[in-house]
Protein backbone atom coordinates (compact mmCIF):
# COMPACT_ATOMS: atom_id res chain seq x y z
CA THR A 1 -31.33 -7.39 -6.23
CA LYS A 2 -33.73 -10.17 -7.08
CA PRO A 3 -32.61 -13.10 -9.25
CA VAL A 4 -33.60 -12.89 -12.92
CA GLN A 5 -34.02 -16.66 -13.22
CA ASP A 6 -36.28 -18.92 -11.17
CA ARG A 7 -33.27 -20.83 -9.82
CA PRO A 8 -30.11 -19.72 -8.01
CA THR A 9 -27.35 -18.66 -10.39
CA LEU A 10 -23.66 -17.91 -10.02
CA PHE A 11 -21.74 -15.36 -12.07
CA PHE A 12 -17.99 -15.33 -12.67
CA GLU A 13 -16.20 -12.46 -14.35
CA ILE A 14 -12.61 -12.88 -15.49
CA ILE A 15 -10.60 -9.74 -16.20
CA GLN A 16 -7.34 -10.08 -18.07
CA ARG A 17 -4.86 -7.29 -17.30
CA LYS A 18 -2.14 -8.31 -19.74
CA GLY A 19 0.63 -5.72 -19.74
CA ALA A 20 -1.15 -3.46 -17.24
CA LYS A 21 0.97 -1.91 -14.50
CA SER A 22 -1.95 -0.65 -12.43
CA PHE A 23 -5.62 -1.42 -11.92
CA GLY A 24 -7.99 1.33 -12.99
CA LYS A 25 -5.50 4.18 -12.72
CA GLY A 26 -7.40 7.38 -13.41
CA ASN A 27 -10.81 5.71 -13.60
CA PHE A 28 -12.06 7.15 -10.33
CA LYS A 29 -10.98 10.66 -11.28
CA ALA A 30 -12.63 10.34 -14.71
CA LEU A 31 -15.83 8.99 -13.14
CA PHE A 32 -15.94 11.83 -10.59
CA GLU A 33 -15.37 14.44 -13.30
CA ALA A 34 -18.10 12.92 -15.48
CA ILE A 35 -20.55 12.98 -12.57
CA GLU A 36 -19.71 16.62 -11.90
CA ARG A 37 -20.26 17.51 -15.57
CA GLU A 38 -23.68 15.84 -15.55
CA GLN A 39 -24.61 17.62 -12.32
CA ALA A 40 -23.49 20.95 -13.75
CA LEU A 41 -25.66 20.39 -16.84
CA ARG A 42 -28.65 19.69 -14.59
CA GLY A 43 -27.84 22.68 -12.39
CA ASN A 44 -27.41 20.74 -9.15
CA LEU A 45 -23.65 20.80 -8.69
């Protein structure tokens, strides 16, 4: 992608996982199922 600003920028994202025992457990399955639902609604599953 192209920069939004006229000068180089750097972006840091800090994610706190306090008390979490896994990282994103179930997120991929939920994302896949949501994509399939949207495709089914459009008729291109």
